[in-house]
Amino acid sequence: MCDIKLFLTDVDGTLTDGGMYYTASGDTMKKFNTRDGMGLQLLQKTGVKVGIITSENTDIVTKRAEKLGLDFLVQGKRDGGKLAAAREICETLGITLNELAYIGDDVNCAELLRNAGIAACPADAMPQVKAITGIRIMSLKGGEGCVREFINSLL
């Protein structure tokens, strides 16, 4: 196990396939991969704190985070807000960004990815994200187990 004390992930395009599913009545749905969820729980058992930082603000993500028993959930973070949120969490835990692992897929994740101790992205991440120096590009796509793949590489 590496020296990571905090693991954070994006949601849309990372924990999910990035699709936005709508019912006829206007309800939204997201498909999560259960293996990613198990990976987050396995990481927690090693003492690593885990959480989500996302641009969206939905009850679906709140329910998923509660079901998994995540340590942190920060929603509605845009325009540099993800890095600021991660810094706040690190400060709360008394750790540095070097002790943070983060996985994200799009340009709104890039600033945090550039500053995390260990950064990763799904196989189908945006080209600008894949081009970040030192990023680990997973072989699996968003919503298809890329978070678990990243966690397994850390464990």
N, C-alpha and C. Protein backbone atom coordinates (compact mmCIF):
# COMPACT_ATOMS: atom_id res chain seq x y z
N MET A 1 0.85 -1.19 0.00
CA MET A 1 0.00 0.00 0.00
C MET A 1 0.89 1.24 0.00
N CYS A 2 0.56 2.17 -0.86
CA CYS A 2 1.34 3.41 -0.93
C CYS A 2 0.95 4.34 0.23
N ASP A 3 1.53 5.52 0.27
CA ASP A 3 1.32 6.46 1.37
C ASP A 3 0.10 7.35 1.17
N ILE A 4 -0.95 6.81 0.63
CA ILE A 4 -2.18 7.57 0.41
C ILE A 4 -3.04 7.48 1.67
N LYS A 5 -3.52 8.64 2.10
CA LYS A 5 -4.40 8.69 3.28
C LYS A 5 -5.83 9.09 2.91
N LEU A 6 -5.99 9.60 1.67
CA LEU A 6 -7.30 10.05 1.20
C LEU A 6 -7.46 9.68 -0.27
N PHE A 7 -8.60 9.12 -0.60
CA PHE A 7 -8.94 8.76 -1.98
C PHE A 7 -10.23 9.47 -2.34
N LEU A 8 -10.18 10.27 -3.41
CA LEU A 8 -11.36 10.98 -3.88
C LEU A 8 -11.63 10.63 -5.34
N THR A 9 -12.90 10.66 -5.71
CA THR A 9 -13.29 10.37 -7.08
C THR A 9 -14.35 11.34 -7.55
N ASP A 10 -14.36 11.55 -8.85
CA ASP A 10 -15.41 12.26 -9.55
C ASP A 10 -16.58 11.28 -9.72
N VAL A 11 -17.71 11.75 -10.17
CA VAL A 11 -18.87 10.88 -10.39
C VAL A 11 -19.12 10.65 -11.89
N ASP A 12 -19.66 11.66 -12.56
CA ASP A 12 -20.09 11.49 -13.96
C ASP A 12 -18.89 11.27 -14.87
N GLY A 13 -18.89 10.13 -15.54
CA GLY A 13 -17.79 9.77 -16.42
C GLY A 13 -16.68 9.00 -15.72
N THR A 14 -16.80 8.85 -14.41
CA THR A 14 -15.79 8.12 -13.63
C THR A 14 -16.48 6.99 -12.86
N LEU A 15 -17.29 7.33 -11.87
CA LEU A 15 -18.10 6.31 -11.19
C LEU A 15 -19.27 5.87 -12.07
N THR A 16 -19.64 6.70 -13.04
CA THR A 16 -20.70 6.35 -13.99
C THR A 16 -20.14 6.42 -15.40
N ASP A 17 -20.93 6.00 -16.37
CA ASP A 17 -20.50 6.04 -17.77
C ASP A 17 -20.65 7.43 -18.39
N GLY A 18 -21.09 8.39 -17.60
CA GLY A 18 -21.24 9.75 -18.09
C GLY A 18 -22.59 10.01 -18.73
N GLY A 19 -23.40 8.96 -18.87
CA GLY A 19 -24.72 9.14 -19.45
C GLY A 19 -25.67 9.80 -18.48
N MET A 20 -26.60 10.57 -19.00
CA MET A 20 -27.66 11.17 -18.20
C MET A 20 -28.96 10.51 -18.62
N TYR A 21 -29.53 9.75 -17.74
CA TYR A 21 -30.74 9.00 -18.04
C TYR A 21 -31.94 9.72 -17.44
N TYR A 22 -32.98 9.92 -18.25
CA TYR A 22 -34.18 10.61 -17.79
C TYR A 22 -35.40 9.74 -18.01
N THR A 23 -36.28 9.71 -17.01
CA THR A 23 -37.56 9.00 -17.18
C THR A 23 -38.55 9.96 -17.84
N ALA A 24 -39.68 9.43 -18.25
CA ALA A 24 -40.71 10.24 -18.90
C ALA A 24 -41.21 11.35 -17.96
N SER A 25 -41.16 11.10 -16.67
CA SER A 25 -41.62 12.11 -15.71
C SER A 25 -40.52 13.11 -15.34
N GLY A 26 -39.33 12.95 -15.94
CA GLY A 26 -38.27 13.91 -15.72
C GLY A 26 -37.27 13.54 -14.63
N ASP A 27 -37.47 12.39 -14.00
CA ASP A 27 -36.51 11.94 -13.00
C ASP A 27 -35.20 11.54 -13.68
N THR A 28 -34.10 11.80 -13.00
CA THR A 28 -32.81 11.40 -13.55
C THR A 28 -32.32 10.13 -12.88
N MET A 29 -31.53 9.37 -13.63
CA MET A 29 -30.95 8.14 -13.10
C MET A 29 -29.49 8.08 -13.51
N LYS A 30 -28.69 7.38 -12.70
CA LYS A 30 -27.29 7.15 -13.00
C LYS A 30 -27.01 5.68 -12.73
N LYS A 31 -26.13 5.10 -13.53
CA LYS A 31 -25.74 3.71 -13.33
C LYS A 31 -24.35 3.67 -12.71
N PHE A 32 -24.26 3.08 -11.52
CA PHE A 32 -22.99 2.93 -10.83
C PHE A 32 -22.52 1.49 -10.94
N ASN A 33 -21.20 1.29 -10.91
CA ASN A 33 -20.62 -0.05 -10.96
C ASN A 33 -20.40 -0.54 -9.54
N THR A 34 -20.96 -1.69 -9.20
CA THR A 34 -20.85 -2.20 -7.84
C THR A 34 -19.41 -2.54 -7.46
N ARG A 35 -18.60 -2.88 -8.44
CA ARG A 35 -17.19 -3.19 -8.12
C ARG A 35 -16.44 -1.94 -7.66
N ASP A 36 -16.78 -0.80 -8.23
CA ASP A 36 -16.18 0.45 -7.76
C ASP A 36 -16.55 0.69 -6.29
N GLY A 37 -17.81 0.46 -5.98
CA GLY A 37 -18.27 0.63 -4.60
C GLY A 37 -17.55 -0.29 -3.65
N MET A 38 -17.38 -1.54 -4.03
CA MET A 38 -16.65 -2.49 -3.19
C MET A 38 -15.21 -2.04 -3.01
N GLY A 39 -14.60 -1.53 -4.07
CA GLY A 39 -13.23 -1.04 -3.98
C GLY A 39 -13.10 0.09 -2.96
N LEU A 40 -14.04 1.02 -2.98
CA LEU A 40 -14.01 2.12 -2.02
C LEU A 40 -14.12 1.60 -0.60
N GLN A 41 -14.97 0.61 -0.39
CA GLN A 41 -15.11 0.04 0.94
C GLN A 41 -13.86 -0.74 1.37
N LEU A 42 -13.24 -1.45 0.44
CA LEU A 42 -11.99 -2.16 0.75
C LEU A 42 -10.89 -1.18 1.13
N LEU A 43 -10.84 -0.06 0.45
CA LEU A 43 -9.85 0.97 0.75
C LEU A 43 -10.08 1.53 2.15
N GLN A 44 -11.34 1.76 2.50
CA GLN A 44 -11.67 2.26 3.83
C GLN A 44 -11.19 1.29 4.91
N LYS A 45 -11.29 0.01 4.65
CA LYS A 45 -10.87 -0.99 5.64
C LYS A 45 -9.38 -0.92 5.94
N THR A 46 -8.61 -0.33 5.03
CA THR A 46 -7.17 -0.16 5.26
C THR A 46 -6.87 1.12 6.03
N GLY A 47 -7.90 1.92 6.32
CA GLY A 47 -7.72 3.17 7.06
C GLY A 47 -7.69 4.40 6.18
N VAL A 48 -7.77 4.22 4.88
CA VAL A 48 -7.79 5.36 3.95
C VAL A 48 -9.20 5.97 3.98
N LYS A 49 -9.27 7.29 4.07
CA LYS A 49 -10.55 7.98 3.99
C LYS A 49 -10.93 8.09 2.52
N VAL A 50 -12.22 7.96 2.22
CA VAL A 50 -12.67 7.99 0.83
C VAL A 50 -13.84 8.97 0.68
N GLY A 51 -13.94 9.52 -0.54
CA GLY A 51 -15.02 10.46 -0.77
C GLY A 51 -15.21 10.81 -2.23
N ILE A 52 -16.22 11.61 -2.46
CA ILE A 52 -16.62 12.06 -3.79
C ILE A 52 -16.56 13.58 -3.81
N ILE A 53 -16.03 14.12 -4.91
CA ILE A 53 -16.16 15.55 -5.21
C ILE A 53 -16.72 15.63 -6.63
N THR A 54 -17.87 16.28 -6.78
CA THR A 54 -18.54 16.32 -8.07
C THR A 54 -19.11 17.71 -8.37
N SER A 55 -19.23 18.01 -9.65
CA SER A 55 -19.81 19.28 -10.09
C SER A 55 -21.33 19.29 -9.94
N GLU A 56 -21.92 18.12 -10.11
CA GLU A 56 -23.37 18.00 -10.02
C GLU A 56 -23.82 18.10 -8.56
N ASN A 57 -25.12 18.24 -8.36
CA ASN A 57 -25.69 18.26 -7.02
C ASN A 57 -27.00 17.49 -7.07
N THR A 58 -26.93 16.19 -6.76
CA THR A 58 -28.10 15.33 -6.91
C THR A 58 -28.33 14.44 -5.69
N ASP A 59 -29.60 14.11 -5.48
CA ASP A 59 -29.95 13.17 -4.41
C ASP A 59 -29.41 11.77 -4.71
N ILE A 60 -29.28 11.45 -6.00
CA ILE A 60 -28.79 10.12 -6.39
C ILE A 60 -27.39 9.90 -5.83
N VAL A 61 -26.53 10.89 -5.98
CA VAL A 61 -25.16 10.77 -5.49
C VAL A 61 -25.13 10.74 -3.96
N THR A 62 -26.00 11.54 -3.35
CA THR A 62 -26.09 11.51 -1.88
C THR A 62 -26.46 10.11 -1.40
N LYS A 63 -27.45 9.51 -2.05
CA LYS A 63 -27.89 8.16 -1.66
C LYS A 63 -26.78 7.13 -1.88
N ARG A 64 -26.04 7.25 -2.98
CA ARG A 64 -24.94 6.31 -3.26
C ARG A 64 -23.84 6.46 -2.20
N ALA A 65 -23.50 7.68 -1.88
CA ALA A 65 -22.45 7.93 -0.87
C ALA A 65 -22.88 7.39 0.49
N GLU A 66 -24.14 7.59 0.84
CA GLU A 66 -24.65 7.07 2.11
C GLU A 66 -24.63 5.55 2.13
N LYS A 67 -25.06 4.92 1.03
CA LYS A 67 -25.08 3.46 0.97
C LYS A 67 -23.68 2.89 1.17
N LEU A 68 -22.69 3.54 0.57
CA LEU A 68 -21.31 3.04 0.67
C LEU A 68 -20.63 3.45 1.97
N GLY A 69 -21.23 4.38 2.71
CA GLY A 69 -20.62 4.85 3.96
C GLY A 69 -19.36 5.66 3.74
N LEU A 70 -19.36 6.49 2.69
CA LEU A 70 -18.18 7.29 2.38
C LEU A 70 -17.92 8.32 3.47
N ASP A 71 -16.67 8.70 3.61
CA ASP A 71 -16.28 9.66 4.63
C ASP A 71 -16.60 11.09 4.22
N PHE A 72 -16.55 11.38 2.91
CA PHE A 72 -16.75 12.74 2.42
C PHE A 72 -17.60 12.74 1.16
N LEU A 73 -18.49 13.72 1.07
CA LEU A 73 -19.26 13.98 -0.14
C LEU A 73 -19.36 15.48 -0.31
N VAL A 74 -18.80 15.97 -1.42
CA VAL A 74 -18.86 17.40 -1.74
C VAL A 74 -19.45 17.52 -3.14
N GLN A 75 -20.61 18.18 -3.22
CA GLN A 75 -21.30 18.33 -4.51
C GLN A 75 -21.35 19.80 -4.92
N GLY A 76 -21.60 20.02 -6.22
CA GLY A 76 -21.77 21.37 -6.74
C GLY A 76 -20.48 22.16 -6.88
N LYS A 77 -19.35 21.47 -7.06
CA LYS A 77 -18.06 22.17 -7.15
C LYS A 77 -17.63 22.32 -8.61
N ARG A 78 -17.58 23.56 -9.07
CA ARG A 78 -17.20 23.89 -10.43
C ARG A 78 -16.09 24.93 -10.41
N ASP A 79 -15.47 25.14 -11.55
CA ASP A 79 -14.50 26.22 -11.76
C ASP A 79 -13.46 26.32 -10.64
N GLY A 80 -12.68 25.26 -10.47
CA GLY A 80 -11.64 25.26 -9.45
C GLY A 80 -12.13 24.84 -8.09
N GLY A 81 -13.41 24.64 -7.97
CA GLY A 81 -13.98 24.27 -6.68
C GLY A 81 -13.58 22.89 -6.20
N LYS A 82 -13.25 21.99 -7.14
CA LYS A 82 -12.85 20.64 -6.74
C LYS A 82 -11.52 20.66 -6.00
N LEU A 83 -10.56 21.43 -6.51
CA LEU A 83 -9.27 21.54 -5.84
C LEU A 83 -9.44 22.19 -4.47
N ALA A 84 -10.23 23.24 -4.40
CA ALA A 84 -10.47 23.92 -3.12
C ALA A 84 -11.12 22.96 -2.11
N ALA A 85 -12.09 22.18 -2.58
CA ALA A 85 -12.76 21.21 -1.69
C ALA A 85 -11.77 20.16 -1.20
N ALA A 86 -10.92 19.67 -2.11
CA ALA A 86 -9.91 18.67 -1.71
C ALA A 86 -8.95 19.26 -0.69
N ARG A 87 -8.54 20.50 -0.89
CA ARG A 87 -7.65 21.16 0.08
C ARG A 87 -8.30 21.24 1.45
N GLU A 88 -9.60 21.58 1.49
CA GLU A 88 -10.33 21.67 2.76
C GLU A 88 -10.36 20.31 3.46
N ILE A 89 -10.64 19.27 2.70
CA ILE A 89 -10.68 17.93 3.28
C ILE A 89 -9.30 17.55 3.82
N CYS A 90 -8.27 17.81 3.04
CA CYS A 90 -6.90 17.51 3.49
C CYS A 90 -6.57 18.26 4.77
N GLU A 91 -6.97 19.53 4.82
CA GLU A 91 -6.73 20.33 6.03
C GLU A 91 -7.45 19.73 7.23
N THR A 92 -8.69 19.31 7.03
CA THR A 92 -9.46 18.67 8.10
C THR A 92 -8.76 17.42 8.62
N LEU A 93 -8.17 16.66 7.70
CA LEU A 93 -7.50 15.41 8.07
C LEU A 93 -6.05 15.63 8.53
N GLY A 94 -5.53 16.85 8.33
CA GLY A 94 -4.14 17.12 8.70
C GLY A 94 -3.14 16.46 7.77
N ILE A 95 -3.50 16.40 6.49
CA ILE A 95 -2.62 15.79 5.49
C ILE A 95 -2.37 16.78 4.35
N THR A 96 -1.49 16.41 3.43
CA THR A 96 -1.22 17.26 2.27
C THR A 96 -1.83 16.64 1.02
N LEU A 97 -1.87 17.43 -0.05
CA LEU A 97 -2.37 16.92 -1.33
C LEU A 97 -1.50 15.78 -1.86
N ASN A 98 -0.25 15.70 -1.42
CA ASN A 98 0.62 14.59 -1.83
C ASN A 98 0.13 13.25 -1.30
N GLU A 99 -0.70 13.28 -0.26
CA GLU A 99 -1.23 12.05 0.34
C GLU A 99 -2.63 11.72 -0.20
N LEU A 100 -3.00 12.39 -1.28
CA LEU A 100 -4.30 12.23 -1.92
C LEU A 100 -4.18 11.51 -3.26
N ALA A 101 -5.06 10.55 -3.48
CA ALA A 101 -5.23 9.92 -4.79
C ALA A 101 -6.58 10.40 -5.32
N TYR A 102 -6.61 10.79 -6.59
CA TYR A 102 -7.86 11.28 -7.19
C TYR A 102 -8.00 10.75 -8.61
N ILE A 103 -9.22 10.37 -8.96
CA ILE A 103 -9.53 9.92 -10.31
C ILE A 103 -10.68 10.75 -10.86
N GLY A 104 -10.47 11.27 -12.07
CA GLY A 104 -11.48 12.08 -12.74
C GLY A 104 -11.29 12.01 -14.24
N ASP A 105 -12.28 12.49 -14.98
CA ASP A 105 -12.28 12.25 -16.42
C ASP A 105 -12.36 13.47 -17.32
N ASP A 106 -12.69 14.65 -16.78
CA ASP A 106 -12.96 15.78 -17.68
C ASP A 106 -12.20 17.03 -17.24
N VAL A 107 -12.32 18.08 -18.02
CA VAL A 107 -11.54 19.29 -17.79
C VAL A 107 -11.80 19.92 -16.42
N ASN A 108 -13.00 19.74 -15.88
CA ASN A 108 -13.28 20.29 -14.56
C ASN A 108 -12.58 19.53 -13.43
N CYS A 109 -11.94 18.42 -13.77
CA CYS A 109 -11.15 17.64 -12.81
C CYS A 109 -9.66 17.93 -12.94
N ALA A 110 -9.27 18.58 -14.02
CA ALA A 110 -7.85 18.69 -14.38
C ALA A 110 -7.00 19.38 -13.31
N GLU A 111 -7.49 20.46 -12.74
CA GLU A 111 -6.70 21.18 -11.74
C GLU A 111 -6.42 20.30 -10.53
N LEU A 112 -7.42 19.58 -10.07
CA LEU A 112 -7.23 18.68 -8.93
C LEU A 112 -6.31 17.52 -9.32
N LEU A 113 -6.49 16.99 -10.52
CA LEU A 113 -5.62 15.90 -10.98
C LEU A 113 -4.15 16.34 -11.02
N ARG A 114 -3.89 17.56 -11.45
CA ARG A 114 -2.51 18.07 -11.52
C ARG A 114 -1.89 18.24 -10.14
N ASN A 115 -2.72 18.39 -9.11
CA ASN A 115 -2.21 18.67 -7.76
C ASN A 115 -2.26 17.48 -6.82
N ALA A 116 -2.92 16.39 -7.21
CA ALA A 116 -3.02 15.21 -6.35
C ALA A 116 -1.69 14.46 -6.33
N GLY A 117 -1.43 13.80 -5.22
CA GLY A 117 -0.22 12.99 -5.11
C GLY A 117 -0.17 11.90 -6.15
N ILE A 118 -1.30 11.23 -6.35
CA ILE A 118 -1.45 10.21 -7.39
C ILE A 118 -2.74 10.51 -8.13
N ALA A 119 -2.65 10.64 -9.45
CA ALA A 119 -3.81 10.99 -10.27
C ALA A 119 -4.06 9.90 -11.30
N ALA A 120 -5.34 9.66 -11.57
CA ALA A 120 -5.72 8.66 -12.57
C ALA A 120 -6.95 9.13 -13.31
N CYS A 121 -7.19 8.49 -14.46
CA CYS A 121 -8.38 8.78 -15.23
C CYS A 121 -8.87 7.51 -15.92
N PRO A 122 -10.16 7.46 -16.26
CA PRO A 122 -10.69 6.32 -17.00
C PRO A 122 -10.09 6.26 -18.41
N ALA A 123 -10.20 5.11 -19.03
CA ALA A 123 -9.69 4.92 -20.40
C ALA A 123 -10.33 5.88 -21.38
N ASP A 124 -11.58 6.27 -21.13
CA ASP A 124 -12.30 7.15 -22.05
C ASP A 124 -12.34 8.60 -21.58
N ALA A 125 -11.37 9.00 -20.76
CA ALA A 125 -11.30 10.39 -20.30
C ALA A 125 -11.03 11.33 -21.48
N MET A 126 -11.28 12.59 -21.27
CA MET A 126 -11.01 13.60 -22.29
C MET A 126 -9.51 13.67 -22.58
N PRO A 127 -9.15 13.95 -23.83
CA PRO A 127 -7.72 14.01 -24.20
C PRO A 127 -6.89 14.96 -23.34
N GLN A 128 -7.47 16.10 -22.94
CA GLN A 128 -6.75 17.05 -22.10
C GLN A 128 -6.38 16.44 -20.75
N VAL A 129 -7.24 15.56 -20.25
CA VAL A 129 -6.98 14.89 -18.97
C VAL A 129 -5.91 13.82 -19.16
N LYS A 130 -6.03 13.04 -20.22
CA LYS A 130 -5.04 12.00 -20.49
C LYS A 130 -3.64 12.58 -20.68
N ALA A 131 -3.56 13.83 -21.10
CA ALA A 131 -2.28 14.49 -21.37
C ALA A 131 -1.60 15.04 -20.12
N ILE A 132 -2.26 14.99 -18.97
CA ILE A 132 -1.67 15.51 -17.73
C ILE A 132 -0.43 14.69 -17.37
N THR A 133 0.64 15.38 -17.10
CA THR A 133 1.90 14.72 -16.77
C THR A 133 1.75 13.80 -15.57
N GLY A 134 2.17 12.56 -15.74
CA GLY A 134 2.18 11.59 -14.64
C GLY A 134 0.86 10.91 -14.36
N ILE A 135 -0.18 11.23 -15.10
CA ILE A 135 -1.49 10.62 -14.82
C ILE A 135 -1.47 9.14 -15.18
N ARG A 136 -2.16 8.36 -14.39
CA ARG A 136 -2.32 6.93 -14.67
C ARG A 136 -3.61 6.75 -15.46
N ILE A 137 -3.50 6.24 -16.67
CA ILE A 137 -4.69 6.02 -17.49
C ILE A 137 -5.13 4.57 -17.31
N MET A 138 -6.33 4.39 -16.79
CA MET A 138 -6.85 3.06 -16.54
C MET A 138 -7.21 2.37 -17.86
N SER A 139 -7.27 1.05 -17.84
CA SER A 139 -7.66 0.31 -19.05
C SER A 139 -9.18 0.23 -19.17
N LEU A 140 -9.89 0.48 -18.07
CA LEU A 140 -11.35 0.43 -18.07
C LEU A 140 -11.95 1.83 -18.19
N LYS A 141 -13.14 1.89 -18.74
CA LYS A 141 -13.85 3.15 -18.96
C LYS A 141 -14.61 3.57 -17.70
N GLY A 142 -15.07 4.82 -17.71
CA GLY A 142 -15.92 5.33 -16.64
C GLY A 142 -17.18 4.48 -16.52
N GLY A 143 -17.54 4.15 -15.29
CA GLY A 143 -18.74 3.35 -15.03
C GLY A 143 -18.55 1.87 -15.28
N GLU A 144 -17.36 1.48 -15.73
CA GLU A 144 -17.10 0.07 -16.04
C GLU A 144 -16.03 -0.54 -15.14
N GLY A 145 -15.77 0.11 -14.00
CA GLY A 145 -14.83 -0.45 -13.04
C GLY A 145 -13.47 0.23 -12.99
N CYS A 146 -13.34 1.40 -13.60
CA CYS A 146 -12.04 2.09 -13.59
C CYS A 146 -11.61 2.53 -12.20
N VAL A 147 -12.57 2.88 -11.34
CA VAL A 147 -12.24 3.29 -9.98
C VAL A 147 -11.68 2.09 -9.21
N ARG A 148 -12.30 0.94 -9.36
CA ARG A 148 -11.80 -0.27 -8.72
C ARG A 148 -10.42 -0.63 -9.25
N GLU A 149 -10.21 -0.48 -10.55
CA GLU A 149 -8.90 -0.75 -11.15
C GLU A 149 -7.84 0.13 -10.51
N PHE A 150 -8.14 1.42 -10.33
CA PHE A 150 -7.20 2.36 -9.70
C PHE A 150 -6.94 1.95 -8.25
N ILE A 151 -8.02 1.64 -7.53
CA ILE A 151 -7.87 1.22 -6.13
C ILE A 151 -7.02 -0.03 -6.03
N ASN A 152 -7.27 -1.01 -6.89
CA ASN A 152 -6.48 -2.25 -6.87
C ASN A 152 -5.00 -1.94 -7.08
N SER A 153 -4.69 -0.96 -7.94
CA SER A 153 -3.29 -0.62 -8.18
C SER A 153 -2.65 0.02 -6.94
N LEU A 154 -3.46 0.68 -6.13
CA LEU A 154 -2.95 1.29 -4.90
C LEU A 154 -2.79 0.26 -3.79
N LEU A 155 -3.68 -0.72 -3.77
CA LEU A 155 -3.62 -1.76 -2.73
C LEU A 155 -2.51 -2.75 -3.03
